[in-house]
Amino acid sequence: MKIKPILIGAAGVLLLATVFFYLRSKNSVKPEKAGINQFLNGFNNRINEGDTNSLLPF
């Protein structure tokens, strides 16, 4: 019977951590569409040019 309060406490801490990380991920800063489009256009241009060596860092 001594383990039951420990398990309840551990479940509570786990639940709180899950809620915290869920809410934190919902409020995180998201990249803007312009930046994503700029990256994708640059990536496409390098592929179309056939310059595959410059794509290695991606």
Protein backbone atom coordinates (compact mmCIF):
# COMPACT_ATOMS: atom_id res chain seq x y z
CA MET A 1 0.00 0.00 0.00
CA LYS A 2 3.00 2.32 0.32
CA ILE A 3 3.54 2.29 -3.47
CA LYS A 4 0.05 3.52 -4.41
CA PRO A 5 0.66 7.20 -3.41
CA ILE A 6 3.99 7.15 -5.26
CA LEU A 7 2.32 5.86 -8.42
CA ILE A 8 -0.44 8.46 -8.18
CA GLY A 9 2.13 11.22 -7.71
CA ALA A 10 4.23 9.97 -10.63
CA ALA A 11 1.14 9.86 -12.85
CA GLY A 12 0.26 13.42 -11.83
CA VAL A 13 3.75 14.69 -12.60
CA LEU A 14 3.69 12.90 -15.95
CA LEU A 15 0.30 14.43 -16.78
CA LEU A 16 1.48 17.92 -15.86
CA ALA A 17 4.64 17.53 -17.93
CA THR A 18 2.60 16.35 -20.92
CA VAL A 19 0.22 19.31 -20.68
CA PHE A 20 3.14 21.74 -20.26
CA PHE A 21 5.01 20.48 -23.33
CA TYR A 22 1.82 20.35 -25.40
CA LEU A 23 0.94 23.95 -24.61
CA ARG A 24 4.53 25.05 -25.13
CA SER A 25 4.62 23.49 -28.60
CA LYS A 26 1.35 25.19 -29.56
CA ASN A 27 2.78 28.63 -28.69
CA SER A 28 6.23 28.18 -30.21
CA VAL A 29 7.46 30.56 -32.88
CA LYS A 30 6.78 29.27 -36.37
CA PRO A 31 8.83 30.30 -39.40
CA GLU A 32 7.21 32.71 -41.79
CA LYS A 33 6.02 31.55 -45.20
CA ALA A 34 8.27 34.03 -46.99
CA GLY A 35 11.37 32.48 -45.44
CA ILE A 36 10.26 28.96 -46.31
CA ASN A 37 9.46 29.95 -49.89
CA GLN A 38 12.83 31.67 -50.25
CA PHE A 39 14.64 28.54 -49.05
CA LEU A 40 12.64 26.25 -51.35
CA ASN A 41 13.17 28.50 -54.38
CA GLY A 42 16.91 28.61 -53.74
CA PHE A 43 17.00 24.84 -53.31
CA ASN A 44 15.04 24.36 -56.55
CA ASN A 45 17.34 26.72 -58.45
CA ARG A 46 20.43 24.80 -57.33
CA ILE A 47 18.87 21.50 -58.37
CA ASN A 48 17.86 22.88 -61.77
CA GLU A 49 21.36 24.25 -62.30
CA GLY A 50 22.79 20.82 -61.56
CA ASP A 51 24.99 22.18 -58.77
CA THR A 52 24.60 19.21 -56.44
CA ASN A 53 27.81 19.89 -54.49
CA SER A 54 26.31 23.04 -52.98
CA LEU A 55 23.34 21.00 -51.70
CA LEU A 56 25.44 18.82 -49.38
CA PRO A 57 24.99 21.12 -46.32
CA PHE A 58 21.20 20.87 -46.64
